[in-house]
N, C-alpha and C. Protein backbone atom coordinates (compact mmCIF):
# COMPACT_ATOMS: atom_id res chain seq x y z
N MET A 1 -58.31 10.68 -38.49
CA MET A 1 -58.53 9.63 -39.46
C MET A 1 -59.92 9.04 -39.18
N PRO A 2 -60.70 8.80 -40.19
CA PRO A 2 -62.06 8.26 -39.99
C PRO A 2 -61.99 6.91 -39.28
N PRO A 3 -62.96 6.58 -38.42
CA PRO A 3 -62.93 5.33 -37.66
C PRO A 3 -63.03 4.09 -38.54
N ASP A 4 -63.60 4.19 -39.73
CA ASP A 4 -63.74 3.02 -40.59
C ASP A 4 -62.55 2.87 -41.55
N TYR A 5 -61.53 3.70 -41.41
CA TYR A 5 -60.36 3.67 -42.29
C TYR A 5 -59.51 2.45 -41.95
N ASP A 6 -59.19 1.67 -42.96
CA ASP A 6 -58.34 0.49 -42.79
C ASP A 6 -56.89 0.91 -42.94
N ILE A 7 -56.17 1.01 -41.84
CA ILE A 7 -54.79 1.51 -41.86
C ILE A 7 -53.84 0.53 -42.55
N LEU A 8 -54.14 -0.75 -42.50
CA LEU A 8 -53.23 -1.73 -43.09
C LEU A 8 -53.31 -1.82 -44.61
N ALA A 9 -54.45 -1.50 -45.20
CA ALA A 9 -54.60 -1.66 -46.66
C ALA A 9 -53.53 -0.89 -47.44
N PRO A 10 -53.34 0.42 -47.17
CA PRO A 10 -52.30 1.13 -47.93
C PRO A 10 -50.88 0.63 -47.60
N LEU A 11 -50.67 0.16 -46.39
CA LEU A 11 -49.34 -0.34 -46.03
C LEU A 11 -49.08 -1.70 -46.67
N LEU A 12 -50.09 -2.56 -46.68
CA LEU A 12 -49.92 -3.87 -47.33
C LEU A 12 -49.73 -3.74 -48.83
N ALA A 13 -50.31 -2.70 -49.41
CA ALA A 13 -50.11 -2.46 -50.85
C ALA A 13 -48.64 -2.13 -51.14
N ARG A 14 -47.93 -1.63 -50.15
CA ARG A 14 -46.51 -1.27 -50.30
C ARG A 14 -45.60 -2.26 -49.56
N ARG A 15 -46.11 -3.42 -49.26
CA ARG A 15 -45.38 -4.39 -48.45
C ARG A 15 -43.98 -4.68 -48.99
N GLU A 16 -43.87 -4.97 -50.26
CA GLU A 16 -42.56 -5.32 -50.84
C GLU A 16 -41.60 -4.13 -50.78
N GLU A 17 -42.12 -2.94 -51.01
CA GLU A 17 -41.28 -1.74 -50.91
C GLU A 17 -40.77 -1.56 -49.48
N LEU A 18 -41.66 -1.74 -48.50
CA LEU A 18 -41.28 -1.59 -47.10
C LEU A 18 -40.30 -2.68 -46.67
N LEU A 19 -40.54 -3.89 -47.14
CA LEU A 19 -39.64 -4.99 -46.84
C LEU A 19 -38.26 -4.74 -47.46
N GLY A 20 -38.25 -4.22 -48.67
CA GLY A 20 -36.99 -3.87 -49.34
C GLY A 20 -36.23 -2.79 -48.58
N PHE A 21 -36.97 -1.81 -48.06
CA PHE A 21 -36.38 -0.73 -47.26
C PHE A 21 -35.63 -1.32 -46.07
N LEU A 22 -36.26 -2.26 -45.37
CA LEU A 22 -35.63 -2.88 -44.20
C LEU A 22 -34.48 -3.80 -44.60
N ALA A 23 -34.72 -4.62 -45.62
CA ALA A 23 -33.71 -5.59 -46.05
C ALA A 23 -32.43 -4.89 -46.52
N ALA A 24 -32.57 -3.76 -47.18
CA ALA A 24 -31.41 -3.02 -47.66
C ALA A 24 -30.54 -2.55 -46.49
N ARG A 25 -31.16 -2.26 -45.38
CA ARG A 25 -30.42 -1.77 -44.22
C ARG A 25 -29.92 -2.88 -43.31
N LEU A 26 -30.50 -4.07 -43.43
CA LEU A 26 -30.09 -5.20 -42.59
C LEU A 26 -29.16 -6.15 -43.32
N GLY A 27 -28.92 -5.94 -44.58
CA GLY A 27 -28.07 -6.84 -45.33
C GLY A 27 -28.84 -8.08 -45.74
N SER A 28 -28.24 -9.23 -45.58
CA SER A 28 -28.86 -10.47 -46.06
C SER A 28 -29.82 -11.09 -45.05
N ASP A 29 -30.08 -10.40 -43.96
CA ASP A 29 -30.93 -10.98 -42.92
C ASP A 29 -32.40 -10.73 -43.22
N HIS A 30 -32.96 -11.53 -44.14
CA HIS A 30 -34.35 -11.36 -44.58
C HIS A 30 -35.34 -11.66 -43.45
N ALA A 31 -35.02 -12.62 -42.60
CA ALA A 31 -35.93 -12.98 -41.51
C ALA A 31 -36.10 -11.82 -40.53
N ASP A 32 -35.00 -11.13 -40.22
CA ASP A 32 -35.11 -9.97 -39.33
C ASP A 32 -35.92 -8.86 -39.98
N ALA A 33 -35.74 -8.65 -41.27
CA ALA A 33 -36.52 -7.63 -41.98
C ALA A 33 -38.00 -7.97 -41.92
N GLU A 34 -38.33 -9.22 -42.13
CA GLU A 34 -39.72 -9.66 -42.07
C GLU A 34 -40.30 -9.47 -40.67
N ASP A 35 -39.51 -9.83 -39.65
CA ASP A 35 -39.96 -9.65 -38.27
C ASP A 35 -40.21 -8.17 -37.94
N LEU A 36 -39.27 -7.33 -38.34
CA LEU A 36 -39.44 -5.90 -38.07
C LEU A 36 -40.66 -5.33 -38.78
N LEU A 37 -40.91 -5.78 -39.99
CA LEU A 37 -42.08 -5.30 -40.73
C LEU A 37 -43.37 -5.74 -40.03
N GLN A 38 -43.42 -6.99 -39.59
CA GLN A 38 -44.61 -7.48 -38.89
C GLN A 38 -44.83 -6.73 -37.58
N HIS A 39 -43.75 -6.48 -36.85
CA HIS A 39 -43.87 -5.69 -35.62
C HIS A 39 -44.32 -4.27 -35.93
N GLY A 40 -43.84 -3.75 -37.06
CA GLY A 40 -44.26 -2.41 -37.49
C GLY A 40 -45.75 -2.37 -37.78
N PHE A 41 -46.26 -3.39 -38.46
CA PHE A 41 -47.70 -3.45 -38.73
C PHE A 41 -48.50 -3.49 -37.42
N ALA A 42 -48.03 -4.29 -36.48
CA ALA A 42 -48.74 -4.40 -35.20
C ALA A 42 -48.72 -3.06 -34.47
N LYS A 43 -47.58 -2.39 -34.50
CA LYS A 43 -47.47 -1.09 -33.83
C LYS A 43 -48.34 -0.05 -34.53
N ALA A 44 -48.41 -0.11 -35.85
CA ALA A 44 -49.25 0.82 -36.61
C ALA A 44 -50.72 0.63 -36.24
N LEU A 45 -51.14 -0.62 -36.11
CA LEU A 45 -52.52 -0.88 -35.71
C LEU A 45 -52.79 -0.34 -34.31
N ALA A 46 -51.84 -0.53 -33.41
CA ALA A 46 -52.02 -0.07 -32.03
C ALA A 46 -52.02 1.45 -31.93
N SER A 47 -51.29 2.10 -32.83
CA SER A 47 -51.15 3.56 -32.77
C SER A 47 -52.00 4.28 -33.81
N ALA A 48 -52.88 3.59 -34.48
CA ALA A 48 -53.65 4.18 -35.58
C ALA A 48 -54.45 5.39 -35.15
N GLY A 49 -54.92 5.42 -33.92
CA GLY A 49 -55.72 6.53 -33.44
C GLY A 49 -54.95 7.83 -33.34
N MET A 50 -53.61 7.75 -33.26
CA MET A 50 -52.79 8.95 -33.15
C MET A 50 -52.63 9.66 -34.49
N LEU A 51 -52.79 8.95 -35.58
CA LEU A 51 -52.58 9.51 -36.91
C LEU A 51 -53.82 10.31 -37.33
N ARG A 52 -53.61 11.57 -37.62
CA ARG A 52 -54.73 12.45 -37.95
C ARG A 52 -54.95 12.62 -39.46
N ASP A 53 -53.89 12.45 -40.23
CA ASP A 53 -53.96 12.73 -41.65
C ASP A 53 -53.58 11.46 -42.42
N ASP A 54 -54.53 10.90 -43.18
CA ASP A 54 -54.25 9.66 -43.89
C ASP A 54 -53.19 9.84 -44.98
N GLU A 55 -52.92 11.06 -45.40
CA GLU A 55 -51.87 11.33 -46.40
C GLU A 55 -50.48 11.15 -45.79
N ARG A 56 -50.39 11.20 -44.47
CA ARG A 56 -49.11 11.08 -43.76
C ARG A 56 -48.84 9.64 -43.31
N LEU A 57 -49.74 8.73 -43.65
CA LEU A 57 -49.61 7.35 -43.18
C LEU A 57 -48.27 6.72 -43.59
N VAL A 58 -47.94 6.75 -44.86
CA VAL A 58 -46.73 6.08 -45.35
C VAL A 58 -45.47 6.72 -44.78
N PRO A 59 -45.33 8.07 -44.81
CA PRO A 59 -44.14 8.66 -44.18
C PRO A 59 -44.05 8.36 -42.68
N TRP A 60 -45.20 8.38 -42.01
CA TRP A 60 -45.23 8.06 -40.58
C TRP A 60 -44.77 6.62 -40.35
N PHE A 61 -45.22 5.69 -41.20
CA PHE A 61 -44.85 4.30 -41.05
C PHE A 61 -43.36 4.10 -41.35
N HIS A 62 -42.83 4.82 -42.35
CA HIS A 62 -41.39 4.75 -42.62
C HIS A 62 -40.60 5.20 -41.39
N GLN A 63 -41.05 6.25 -40.74
CA GLN A 63 -40.38 6.74 -39.53
C GLN A 63 -40.45 5.68 -38.43
N LEU A 64 -41.60 5.06 -38.28
CA LEU A 64 -41.77 3.99 -37.30
C LEU A 64 -40.78 2.85 -37.58
N LEU A 65 -40.64 2.48 -38.86
CA LEU A 65 -39.70 1.42 -39.23
C LEU A 65 -38.25 1.83 -38.98
N ARG A 66 -37.91 3.09 -39.25
CA ARG A 66 -36.54 3.57 -39.00
C ARG A 66 -36.19 3.45 -37.51
N HIS A 67 -37.13 3.84 -36.66
CA HIS A 67 -36.88 3.73 -35.23
C HIS A 67 -36.76 2.28 -34.79
N ALA A 68 -37.59 1.41 -35.32
CA ALA A 68 -37.53 -0.02 -35.00
C ALA A 68 -36.20 -0.61 -35.48
N LEU A 69 -35.75 -0.18 -36.64
CA LEU A 69 -34.49 -0.65 -37.22
C LEU A 69 -33.31 -0.22 -36.35
N ILE A 70 -33.31 1.02 -35.90
CA ILE A 70 -32.24 1.52 -35.04
C ILE A 70 -32.21 0.72 -33.74
N ASP A 71 -33.37 0.50 -33.14
CA ASP A 71 -33.43 -0.27 -31.90
C ASP A 71 -32.92 -1.69 -32.12
N HIS A 72 -33.29 -2.29 -33.24
CA HIS A 72 -32.87 -3.65 -33.55
C HIS A 72 -31.35 -3.73 -33.71
N ILE A 73 -30.78 -2.81 -34.45
CA ILE A 73 -29.33 -2.81 -34.69
C ILE A 73 -28.57 -2.58 -33.39
N ARG A 74 -29.06 -1.66 -32.56
CA ARG A 74 -28.42 -1.42 -31.26
C ARG A 74 -28.47 -2.67 -30.38
N ALA A 75 -29.61 -3.32 -30.35
CA ALA A 75 -29.75 -4.53 -29.53
C ALA A 75 -28.83 -5.64 -30.04
N ARG A 76 -28.76 -5.79 -31.35
CA ARG A 76 -27.89 -6.83 -31.93
C ARG A 76 -26.42 -6.53 -31.63
N ARG A 77 -26.03 -5.26 -31.74
CA ARG A 77 -24.65 -4.86 -31.46
C ARG A 77 -24.33 -5.09 -29.97
N ALA A 78 -25.26 -4.74 -29.10
CA ALA A 78 -25.04 -4.95 -27.66
C ALA A 78 -24.89 -6.43 -27.34
N ALA A 79 -25.71 -7.26 -27.97
CA ALA A 79 -25.63 -8.71 -27.73
C ALA A 79 -24.29 -9.25 -28.22
N THR A 80 -23.83 -8.80 -29.37
CA THR A 80 -22.55 -9.24 -29.91
C THR A 80 -21.41 -8.80 -29.01
N ASP A 81 -21.45 -7.53 -28.56
CA ASP A 81 -20.41 -7.03 -27.65
C ASP A 81 -20.39 -7.84 -26.37
N HIS A 82 -21.58 -8.17 -25.86
CA HIS A 82 -21.67 -8.96 -24.63
C HIS A 82 -21.07 -10.35 -24.84
N GLU A 83 -21.35 -10.97 -25.96
CA GLU A 83 -20.79 -12.30 -26.25
C GLU A 83 -19.27 -12.25 -26.29
N HIS A 84 -18.73 -11.21 -26.94
CA HIS A 84 -17.27 -11.10 -27.03
C HIS A 84 -16.64 -10.85 -25.67
N ARG A 85 -17.25 -9.99 -24.86
CA ARG A 85 -16.72 -9.73 -23.51
C ARG A 85 -16.75 -11.00 -22.68
N TRP A 86 -17.85 -11.74 -22.78
CA TRP A 86 -17.97 -12.96 -22.00
C TRP A 86 -16.92 -13.98 -22.43
N ALA A 87 -16.72 -14.11 -23.71
CA ALA A 87 -15.74 -15.07 -24.22
C ALA A 87 -14.33 -14.65 -23.81
N ASP A 88 -14.03 -13.35 -23.86
CA ASP A 88 -12.70 -12.88 -23.52
C ASP A 88 -12.41 -12.95 -22.02
N ASP A 89 -13.46 -12.90 -21.22
CA ASP A 89 -13.28 -12.90 -19.77
C ASP A 89 -13.06 -14.28 -19.18
N THR A 90 -13.20 -15.32 -19.99
CA THR A 90 -13.02 -16.66 -19.44
C THR A 90 -11.56 -16.88 -19.07
N LEU A 91 -11.37 -17.60 -18.02
CA LEU A 91 -10.03 -17.85 -17.51
C LEU A 91 -9.32 -18.87 -18.37
N THR A 92 -8.09 -18.53 -18.75
CA THR A 92 -7.29 -19.49 -19.50
C THR A 92 -5.98 -19.69 -18.74
N LEU A 93 -5.67 -20.91 -18.44
CA LEU A 93 -4.44 -21.21 -17.72
C LEU A 93 -3.30 -21.35 -18.71
N ALA A 94 -2.16 -20.84 -18.34
CA ALA A 94 -0.97 -20.98 -19.17
C ALA A 94 -0.51 -22.44 -19.12
N PRO A 95 -0.07 -23.00 -20.25
CA PRO A 95 0.33 -24.41 -20.25
C PRO A 95 1.41 -24.74 -19.21
N ALA A 96 2.37 -23.85 -18.96
CA ALA A 96 3.43 -24.13 -17.99
C ALA A 96 2.85 -24.25 -16.59
N GLU A 97 1.90 -23.38 -16.25
CA GLU A 97 1.27 -23.44 -14.95
C GLU A 97 0.40 -24.68 -14.82
N THR A 98 -0.20 -25.07 -15.91
CA THR A 98 -1.11 -26.21 -15.90
C THR A 98 -0.39 -27.48 -15.46
N ALA A 99 0.79 -27.73 -16.00
CA ALA A 99 1.53 -28.95 -15.69
C ALA A 99 1.92 -28.97 -14.22
N ARG A 100 2.24 -27.84 -13.64
CA ARG A 100 2.70 -27.78 -12.26
C ARG A 100 1.55 -27.85 -11.26
N GLN A 101 0.40 -27.28 -11.59
CA GLN A 101 -0.63 -27.06 -10.60
C GLN A 101 -1.78 -28.05 -10.60
N LEU A 102 -2.07 -28.66 -11.70
CA LEU A 102 -3.30 -29.44 -11.77
C LEU A 102 -3.18 -30.82 -11.15
N CYS A 103 -4.27 -31.21 -10.56
CA CYS A 103 -4.40 -32.51 -9.91
C CYS A 103 -4.28 -33.62 -10.95
N ARG A 104 -3.64 -34.72 -10.56
CA ARG A 104 -3.50 -35.87 -11.47
C ARG A 104 -4.85 -36.49 -11.81
N CYS A 105 -5.83 -36.25 -10.95
CA CYS A 105 -7.17 -36.83 -11.15
C CYS A 105 -7.96 -36.09 -12.23
N LEU A 106 -7.48 -34.93 -12.61
CA LEU A 106 -8.25 -34.08 -13.51
C LEU A 106 -8.47 -34.72 -14.88
N GLU A 107 -7.41 -35.19 -15.50
CA GLU A 107 -7.52 -35.70 -16.88
C GLU A 107 -8.51 -36.86 -17.00
N PRO A 108 -8.48 -37.86 -16.12
CA PRO A 108 -9.48 -38.94 -16.23
C PRO A 108 -10.91 -38.42 -16.02
N LEU A 109 -11.09 -37.42 -15.16
CA LEU A 109 -12.42 -36.87 -14.93
C LEU A 109 -12.89 -36.01 -16.10
N VAL A 110 -11.97 -35.30 -16.73
CA VAL A 110 -12.32 -34.51 -17.91
C VAL A 110 -12.88 -35.43 -18.99
N ALA A 111 -12.29 -36.59 -19.13
CA ALA A 111 -12.71 -37.54 -20.17
C ALA A 111 -14.14 -38.03 -19.97
N THR A 112 -14.70 -37.88 -18.77
CA THR A 112 -16.08 -38.33 -18.53
C THR A 112 -17.13 -37.29 -18.94
N LEU A 113 -16.71 -36.11 -19.31
CA LEU A 113 -17.64 -35.05 -19.71
C LEU A 113 -18.13 -35.30 -21.14
N PRO A 114 -19.23 -34.65 -21.53
CA PRO A 114 -19.67 -34.73 -22.94
C PRO A 114 -18.59 -34.21 -23.88
N HIS A 115 -18.57 -34.70 -25.10
CA HIS A 115 -17.51 -34.42 -26.06
C HIS A 115 -17.23 -32.92 -26.23
N ALA A 116 -18.27 -32.10 -26.43
CA ALA A 116 -18.05 -30.67 -26.65
C ALA A 116 -17.41 -30.02 -25.43
N GLN A 117 -17.81 -30.46 -24.22
CA GLN A 117 -17.22 -29.91 -23.01
C GLN A 117 -15.77 -30.35 -22.86
N VAL A 118 -15.48 -31.58 -23.23
CA VAL A 118 -14.10 -32.07 -23.19
C VAL A 118 -13.23 -31.20 -24.09
N GLU A 119 -13.71 -30.96 -25.29
CA GLU A 119 -12.94 -30.13 -26.24
C GLU A 119 -12.72 -28.73 -25.69
N LEU A 120 -13.76 -28.14 -25.12
CA LEU A 120 -13.63 -26.79 -24.56
C LEU A 120 -12.63 -26.76 -23.41
N ILE A 121 -12.72 -27.71 -22.49
CA ILE A 121 -11.80 -27.75 -21.35
C ILE A 121 -10.37 -27.96 -21.83
N ARG A 122 -10.17 -28.95 -22.68
CA ARG A 122 -8.81 -29.27 -23.12
C ARG A 122 -8.19 -28.16 -23.95
N ARG A 123 -8.95 -27.58 -24.86
CA ARG A 123 -8.37 -26.60 -25.78
C ARG A 123 -8.37 -25.18 -25.24
N ALA A 124 -9.46 -24.76 -24.60
CA ALA A 124 -9.54 -23.37 -24.14
C ALA A 124 -9.00 -23.20 -22.72
N GLU A 125 -9.22 -24.18 -21.88
CA GLU A 125 -8.84 -24.06 -20.48
C GLU A 125 -7.42 -24.58 -20.26
N LEU A 126 -7.13 -25.77 -20.76
CA LEU A 126 -5.83 -26.38 -20.55
C LEU A 126 -4.85 -26.09 -21.68
N GLY A 127 -5.39 -25.77 -22.85
CA GLY A 127 -4.54 -25.44 -23.99
C GLY A 127 -4.36 -23.93 -24.10
N ASP A 128 -3.97 -23.51 -25.27
CA ASP A 128 -3.71 -22.08 -25.44
C ASP A 128 -4.64 -21.44 -26.48
N GLU A 129 -5.77 -22.09 -26.78
CA GLU A 129 -6.72 -21.53 -27.75
C GLU A 129 -7.73 -20.64 -27.04
N SER A 130 -8.22 -19.65 -27.77
CA SER A 130 -9.26 -18.78 -27.21
C SER A 130 -10.61 -19.51 -27.27
N VAL A 131 -11.51 -19.09 -26.42
CA VAL A 131 -12.85 -19.68 -26.41
C VAL A 131 -13.51 -19.45 -27.76
N SER A 132 -13.31 -18.26 -28.33
CA SER A 132 -13.91 -17.93 -29.63
C SER A 132 -13.41 -18.87 -30.73
N ALA A 133 -12.11 -19.15 -30.72
CA ALA A 133 -11.54 -20.04 -31.74
C ALA A 133 -12.08 -21.46 -31.59
N VAL A 134 -12.15 -21.95 -30.37
CA VAL A 134 -12.68 -23.29 -30.14
C VAL A 134 -14.16 -23.34 -30.52
N ALA A 135 -14.89 -22.28 -30.15
CA ALA A 135 -16.32 -22.21 -30.49
C ALA A 135 -16.52 -22.31 -31.99
N THR A 136 -15.75 -21.57 -32.75
CA THR A 136 -15.86 -21.59 -34.20
C THR A 136 -15.60 -22.99 -34.75
N SER A 137 -14.56 -23.65 -34.26
CA SER A 137 -14.24 -24.98 -34.77
C SER A 137 -15.29 -26.02 -34.38
N LEU A 138 -16.01 -25.77 -33.28
CA LEU A 138 -17.06 -26.70 -32.86
C LEU A 138 -18.43 -26.32 -33.41
N GLY A 139 -18.50 -25.21 -34.15
CA GLY A 139 -19.77 -24.78 -34.73
C GLY A 139 -20.69 -24.13 -33.71
N LEU A 140 -20.11 -23.49 -32.70
CA LEU A 140 -20.89 -22.81 -31.66
C LEU A 140 -20.65 -21.31 -31.71
N THR A 141 -21.55 -20.54 -31.14
CA THR A 141 -21.29 -19.13 -30.97
C THR A 141 -20.36 -18.98 -29.77
N ALA A 142 -19.69 -17.83 -29.68
CA ALA A 142 -18.80 -17.59 -28.55
C ALA A 142 -19.59 -17.63 -27.25
N ASN A 143 -20.80 -17.11 -27.28
CA ASN A 143 -21.65 -17.10 -26.08
C ASN A 143 -22.01 -18.53 -25.67
N ALA A 144 -22.42 -19.34 -26.60
CA ALA A 144 -22.79 -20.73 -26.29
C ALA A 144 -21.58 -21.49 -25.76
N ALA A 145 -20.42 -21.25 -26.35
CA ALA A 145 -19.20 -21.92 -25.89
C ALA A 145 -18.84 -21.49 -24.47
N SER A 146 -18.99 -20.21 -24.17
CA SER A 146 -18.70 -19.72 -22.82
C SER A 146 -19.63 -20.35 -21.80
N VAL A 147 -20.90 -20.47 -22.16
CA VAL A 147 -21.87 -21.10 -21.25
C VAL A 147 -21.50 -22.57 -21.06
N ALA A 148 -21.20 -23.26 -22.14
CA ALA A 148 -20.83 -24.68 -22.05
C ALA A 148 -19.55 -24.85 -21.23
N LEU A 149 -18.60 -23.95 -21.39
CA LEU A 149 -17.36 -24.01 -20.62
C LEU A 149 -17.63 -23.78 -19.13
N HIS A 150 -18.49 -22.83 -18.85
CA HIS A 150 -18.87 -22.55 -17.46
C HIS A 150 -19.52 -23.80 -16.84
N ARG A 151 -20.42 -24.43 -17.57
CA ARG A 151 -21.09 -25.63 -17.07
C ARG A 151 -20.11 -26.80 -16.92
N ALA A 152 -19.17 -26.90 -17.87
CA ALA A 152 -18.17 -27.96 -17.79
C ALA A 152 -17.30 -27.78 -16.55
N ARG A 153 -16.90 -26.54 -16.27
CA ARG A 153 -16.11 -26.27 -15.06
C ARG A 153 -16.87 -26.67 -13.81
N ALA A 154 -18.17 -26.29 -13.76
CA ALA A 154 -18.98 -26.61 -12.58
C ALA A 154 -19.10 -28.12 -12.40
N THR A 155 -19.35 -28.83 -13.49
CA THR A 155 -19.47 -30.29 -13.42
C THR A 155 -18.14 -30.91 -13.00
N LEU A 156 -17.06 -30.42 -13.58
CA LEU A 156 -15.73 -30.93 -13.25
C LEU A 156 -15.38 -30.65 -11.79
N ARG A 157 -15.73 -29.47 -11.31
CA ARG A 157 -15.48 -29.12 -9.91
C ARG A 157 -16.21 -30.10 -8.98
N THR A 158 -17.47 -30.38 -9.30
CA THR A 158 -18.26 -31.32 -8.49
C THR A 158 -17.63 -32.71 -8.51
N LYS A 159 -17.20 -33.15 -9.68
CA LYS A 159 -16.58 -34.47 -9.80
C LYS A 159 -15.26 -34.54 -9.04
N LEU A 160 -14.48 -33.45 -9.10
CA LEU A 160 -13.21 -33.44 -8.37
C LEU A 160 -13.43 -33.50 -6.86
N VAL A 161 -14.39 -32.74 -6.37
CA VAL A 161 -14.69 -32.77 -4.93
C VAL A 161 -15.14 -34.17 -4.52
N SER A 162 -15.98 -34.79 -5.33
CA SER A 162 -16.45 -36.15 -5.01
C SER A 162 -15.30 -37.15 -5.04
N PHE A 163 -14.41 -37.00 -6.00
CA PHE A 163 -13.34 -37.98 -6.20
C PHE A 163 -12.16 -37.75 -5.26
N CYS A 164 -11.75 -36.49 -5.12
CA CYS A 164 -10.52 -36.17 -4.37
C CYS A 164 -10.79 -35.77 -2.92
N GLY A 165 -11.95 -35.24 -2.66
CA GLY A 165 -12.25 -34.84 -1.29
C GLY A 165 -11.66 -33.50 -0.93
N ASP A 166 -11.08 -33.43 0.27
CA ASP A 166 -10.64 -32.15 0.84
C ASP A 166 -9.46 -31.50 0.11
N CYS A 167 -8.66 -32.28 -0.58
CA CYS A 167 -7.49 -31.67 -1.22
C CYS A 167 -7.89 -30.67 -2.30
N THR A 168 -9.14 -30.70 -2.76
CA THR A 168 -9.59 -29.76 -3.79
C THR A 168 -9.80 -28.36 -3.24
N SER A 169 -9.83 -28.20 -1.90
CA SER A 169 -10.03 -26.86 -1.33
C SER A 169 -8.88 -25.93 -1.68
N GLY A 170 -7.72 -26.45 -1.96
CA GLY A 170 -6.58 -25.63 -2.37
C GLY A 170 -6.45 -25.56 -3.87
N ALA A 171 -7.54 -25.73 -4.59
CA ALA A 171 -7.59 -25.69 -6.05
C ALA A 171 -6.68 -26.75 -6.66
N CYS A 172 -6.55 -27.85 -5.96
CA CYS A 172 -5.75 -28.99 -6.43
C CYS A 172 -4.29 -28.64 -6.65
N LEU A 173 -3.79 -27.68 -5.91
CA LEU A 173 -2.36 -27.37 -6.00
C LEU A 173 -1.59 -28.38 -5.17
N ASP A 174 -0.44 -28.73 -5.66
CA ASP A 174 0.38 -29.71 -4.96
C ASP A 174 -0.40 -30.97 -4.61
N CYS A 175 -0.97 -31.55 -5.62
CA CYS A 175 -1.84 -32.71 -5.46
C CYS A 175 -1.12 -33.87 -4.78
N ASP A 176 -1.80 -34.45 -3.79
CA ASP A 176 -1.23 -35.62 -3.13
C ASP A 176 -2.14 -36.84 -3.30
N CYS A 177 -3.03 -36.79 -4.31
CA CYS A 177 -3.90 -37.93 -4.59
C CYS A 177 -3.07 -39.10 -5.10
N GLU A 178 -3.54 -40.28 -4.82
CA GLU A 178 -2.87 -41.47 -5.35
C GLU A 178 -3.10 -41.53 -6.86
N PRO A 179 -2.11 -41.90 -7.63
CA PRO A 179 -2.30 -41.96 -9.10
C PRO A 179 -3.24 -43.07 -9.49
């Protein structure tokens, strides 16, 4: 390709066509299509020296976009799978076990947490709802809810140790704290 050849001019002339190509494969996610197209333009500029025939520019760029699209879909699917695994792996106590095992100090300490964490602890940890279901009702992703639940547990653990002392080493089983 001649050194003075502007690789972007023919691609920008087909911008809407290329954007439509991506949008059709991504569904309603126009922002992702736009991002992929911009990344494609940047990659085309970086790889322009490899292209020998200017007649092959558009087919070459379509191939570049197809590969970028496949990578994007795989990454999105992997992230979604990871979120679901993380949400499913969270520990949920059975209500019958909860009444027998939990320290009496727990409920007053739970109430001191931020509202979203209180809801997650009460419904997903102490209740029988899944993290995903609670996340949906709170307007969170399953991943965000799992992170918030993890943080709530850590905060609650610290508060229990501070409040109850050594009896927490047995996971507050057979609590002997004063009511």
